[in-house]
Amino acid sequence: MSSRQGDIRAILEKVNLQVAHIEEGYNKSLLAQAIDPAMRIDMKNALENLRSVLDYIACDIRARFCPTYSLQDRFYFPILPDKATFDKKMDQWFPGLRQAAPAVVTLLE
């Protein structure tokens, strides 16, 4: 297993613990009829961890299917507001992916 796969597994295990903690806090909030402000932070942290997993997956996609990419270019998993932005960023962040693996592009879209 690559170190990135191990990192993804570790993050997902952490997120599972975070979600359990959030659920517990949510149930307490229902009883108290008030939301603990710290829950917002817990939820933000869990979502940030999930975003990291998606970015790791983007790294794997790029490494496998985009041999002409530059190591200096910043890129992210393509969570974008509309199709036009998606298409532009896909061509920028994942050069050659449309030709090498169109099915992957479709899945990401």
C-alpha atoms as a PDB file:
ATOM      1  CA  MET A   1       0.000   0.000   0.000  1.00  0.00           C
ATOM      2  CA  SER A   2       1.345   3.440  -0.903  1.00  0.00           C
ATOM      3  CA  SER A   3       1.856   5.984   1.850  1.00  0.00           C
ATOM      4  CA  ARG A   4      -0.916   8.108   0.329  1.00  0.00           C
ATOM      5  CA  GLN A   5      -3.347   5.195   0.571  1.00  0.00           C
ATOM      6  CA  GLY A   6      -2.329   4.733   4.191  1.00  0.00           C
ATOM      7  CA  ASP A   7      -2.878   8.433   4.800  1.00  0.00           C
ATOM      8  CA  ILE A   8      -6.333   8.232   3.209  1.00  0.00           C
ATOM      9  CA  ARG A   9      -7.269   5.271   5.401  1.00  0.00           C
ATOM     10  CA  ALA A  10      -6.020   7.062   8.516  1.00  0.00           C
ATOM     11  CA  ILE A  11      -7.968  10.212   7.657  1.00  0.00           C
ATOM     12  CA  LEU A  12     -11.142   8.228   7.007  1.00  0.00           C
ATOM     13  CA  GLU A  13     -10.770   6.434  10.333  1.00  0.00           C
ATOM     14  CA  LYS A  14     -10.356   9.814  12.030  1.00  0.00           C
ATOM     15  CA  VAL A  15     -13.429  11.170  10.241  1.00  0.00           C
ATOM     16  CA  ASN A  16     -15.462   8.183  11.434  1.00  0.00           C
ATOM     17  CA  LEU A  17     -14.516   9.084  15.011  1.00  0.00           C
ATOM     18  CA  GLN A  18     -15.309  12.730  14.368  1.00  0.00           C
ATOM     19  CA  VAL A  19     -18.723  11.873  12.942  1.00  0.00           C
ATOM     20  CA  ALA A  20     -19.530   9.711  15.960  1.00  0.00           C
ATOM     21  CA  HIS A  21     -18.582  12.640  18.212  1.00  0.00           C
ATOM     22  CA  ILE A  22     -20.714  15.022  16.124  1.00  0.00           C
ATOM     23  CA  GLU A  23     -23.693  12.650  16.306  1.00  0.00           C
ATOM     24  CA  GLU A  24     -23.322  12.469  20.068  1.00  0.00           C
ATOM     25  CA  GLY A  25     -23.214  16.261  20.289  1.00  0.00           C
ATOM     26  CA  TYR A  26     -26.193  16.553  17.972  1.00  0.00           C
ATOM     27  CA  ASN A  27     -28.271  14.244  20.150  1.00  0.00           C
ATOM     28  CA  LYS A  28     -27.315  16.264  23.239  1.00  0.00           C
ATOM     29  CA  SER A  29     -28.275  19.435  21.375  1.00  0.00           C
ATOM     30  CA  LEU A  30     -31.686  17.996  20.579  1.00  0.00           C
ATOM     31  CA  LEU A  31     -32.304  17.296  24.249  1.00  0.00           C
ATOM     32  CA  ALA A  32     -31.029  20.705  25.331  1.00  0.00           C
ATOM     33  CA  GLN A  33     -32.713  22.433  22.355  1.00  0.00           C
ATOM     34  CA  ALA A  34     -29.500  24.394  21.851  1.00  0.00           C
ATOM     35  CA  ILE A  35     -26.537  23.757  19.584  1.00  0.00           C
ATOM     36  CA  ASP A  36     -23.112  23.804  21.200  1.00  0.00           C
ATOM     37  CA  PRO A  37     -20.974  26.253  19.162  1.00  0.00           C
ATOM     38  CA  ALA A  38     -18.053  23.803  19.368  1.00  0.00           C
ATOM     39  CA  MET A  39     -20.054  21.420  17.150  1.00  0.00           C
ATOM     40  CA  ARG A  40     -19.593  23.813  14.255  1.00  0.00           C
ATOM     41  CA  ILE A  41     -15.833  23.509  14.663  1.00  0.00           C
ATOM     42  CA  ASP A  42     -16.065  19.718  14.863  1.00  0.00           C
ATOM     43  CA  MET A  43     -18.142  19.640  11.686  1.00  0.00           C
ATOM     44  CA  LYS A  44     -15.742  22.011   9.889  1.00  0.00           C
ATOM     45  CA  ASN A  45     -12.767  19.854  10.868  1.00  0.00           C
ATOM     46  CA  ALA A  46     -14.457  16.651   9.684  1.00  0.00           C
ATOM     47  CA  LEU A  47     -15.335  18.246   6.347  1.00  0.00           C
ATOM     48  CA  GLU A  48     -11.781  19.575   5.940  1.00  0.00           C
ATOM     49  CA  ASN A  49     -10.454  16.066   6.535  1.00  0.00           C
ATOM     50  CA  LEU A  50     -12.813  14.678   3.903  1.00  0.00           C
ATOM     51  CA  ARG A  51     -11.654  17.374   1.498  1.00  0.00           C
ATOM     52  CA  SER A  52      -8.063  16.244   2.115  1.00  0.00           C
ATOM     53  CA  VAL A  53      -9.027  12.719   1.060  1.00  0.00           C
ATOM     54  CA  LEU A  54     -10.458  14.074  -2.180  1.00  0.00           C
ATOM     55  CA  ASP A  55      -7.279  16.058  -2.817  1.00  0.00           C
ATOM     56  CA  TYR A  56      -5.185  12.924  -2.253  1.00  0.00           C
ATOM     57  CA  ILE A  57      -7.370  11.128  -4.810  1.00  0.00           C
ATOM     58  CA  ALA A  58      -6.798  14.019  -7.223  1.00  0.00           C
ATOM     59  CA  CYS A  59      -3.035  13.531  -6.757  1.00  0.00           C
ATOM     60  CA  ASP A  60      -3.369   9.858  -7.628  1.00  0.00           C
ATOM     61  CA  ILE A  61      -5.461  10.603 -10.720  1.00  0.00           C
ATOM     62  CA  ARG A  62      -2.970  13.188 -11.924  1.00  0.00           C
ATOM     63  CA  ALA A  63       0.039  10.959 -11.293  1.00  0.00           C
ATOM     64  CA  ARG A  64      -1.544   8.057 -13.140  1.00  0.00           C
ATOM     65  CA  PHE A  65      -3.145   9.744 -16.143  1.00  0.00           C
ATOM     66  CA  CYS A  66      -1.437  13.133 -16.646  1.00  0.00           C
ATOM     67  CA  PRO A  67       2.251  12.597 -17.447  1.00  0.00           C
ATOM     68  CA  THR A  68       2.778  16.204 -18.600  1.00  0.00           C
ATOM     69  CA  TYR A  69       1.677  17.913 -15.393  1.00  0.00           C
ATOM     70  CA  SER A  70       4.072  20.231 -13.601  1.00  0.00           C
ATOM     71  CA  LEU A  71       5.029  19.507  -9.998  1.00  0.00           C
ATOM     72  CA  GLN A  72       4.935  23.237  -9.271  1.00  0.00           C
ATOM     73  CA  ASP A  73       1.296  23.709 -10.301  1.00  0.00           C
ATOM     74  CA  ARG A  74      -1.240  23.919  -7.503  1.00  0.00           C
ATOM     75  CA  PHE A  75      -4.395  21.909  -8.026  1.00  0.00           C
ATOM     76  CA  TYR A  76      -7.268  20.465  -6.057  1.00  0.00           C
ATOM     77  CA  PHE A  77     -10.015  17.921  -6.354  1.00  0.00           C
ATOM     78  CA  PRO A  78     -12.390  19.625  -8.806  1.00  0.00           C
ATOM     79  CA  ILE A  79     -15.256  20.831  -6.629  1.00  0.00           C
ATOM     80  CA  LEU A  80     -16.304  23.771  -8.759  1.00  0.00           C
ATOM     81  CA  PRO A  81     -19.400  25.957  -9.108  1.00  0.00           C
ATOM     82  CA  ASP A  82     -20.383  25.275 -12.714  1.00  0.00           C
ATOM     83  CA  LYS A  83     -19.605  23.272 -15.850  1.00  0.00           C
ATOM     84  CA  ALA A  84     -17.595  26.024 -17.541  1.00  0.00           C
ATOM     85  CA  THR A  85     -15.302  26.419 -14.533  1.00  0.00           C
ATOM     86  CA  PHE A  86     -15.044  22.646 -14.204  1.00  0.00           C
ATOM     87  CA  ASP A  87     -13.991  22.252 -17.842  1.00  0.00           C
ATOM     88  CA  LYS A  88     -11.419  25.049 -17.600  1.00  0.00           C
ATOM     89  CA  LYS A  89      -9.871  23.765 -14.361  1.00  0.00           C
ATOM     90  CA  MET A  90      -9.878  20.139 -15.507  1.00  0.00           C
ATOM     91  CA  ASP A  91      -7.835  21.072 -18.567  1.00  0.00           C
ATOM     92  CA  GLN A  92      -5.514  23.207 -16.426  1.00  0.00           C
ATOM     93  CA  TRP A  93      -5.118  20.908 -13.412  1.00  0.00           C
ATOM     94  CA  PHE A  94      -5.296  17.533 -15.198  1.00  0.00           C
ATOM     95  CA  PRO A  95      -3.619  17.991 -18.611  1.00  0.00           C
ATOM     96  CA  GLY A  96      -4.357  15.131 -20.969  1.00  0.00           C
ATOM     97  CA  LEU A  97      -6.886  13.440 -18.681  1.00  0.00           C
ATOM     98  CA  ARG A  98      -9.747  13.885 -21.149  1.00  0.00           C
ATOM     99  CA  GLN A  99      -7.802  11.898 -23.744  1.00  0.00           C
ATOM    100  CA  ALA A 100      -6.195   9.360 -21.399  1.00  0.00           C
ATOM    101  CA  ALA A 101      -9.228   8.553 -19.238  1.00  0.00           C
ATOM    102  CA  PRO A 102     -12.466  10.205 -20.350  1.00  0.00           C
ATOM    103  CA  ALA A 103     -14.447   7.952 -18.011  1.00  0.00           C
ATOM    104  CA  VAL A 104     -12.565   9.452 -15.046  1.00  0.00           C
ATOM    105  CA  VAL A 105     -13.490  12.947 -16.189  1.00  0.00           C
ATOM    106  CA  THR A 106     -17.118  11.866 -16.421  1.00  0.00           C
ATOM    107  CA  LEU A 107     -16.982  10.447 -12.888  1.00  0.00           C
ATOM    108  CA  LEU A 108     -15.425  13.620 -11.534  1.00  0.00           C
ATOM    109  CA  GLU A 109     -17.991  15.764 -13.292  1.00  0.00           C
END
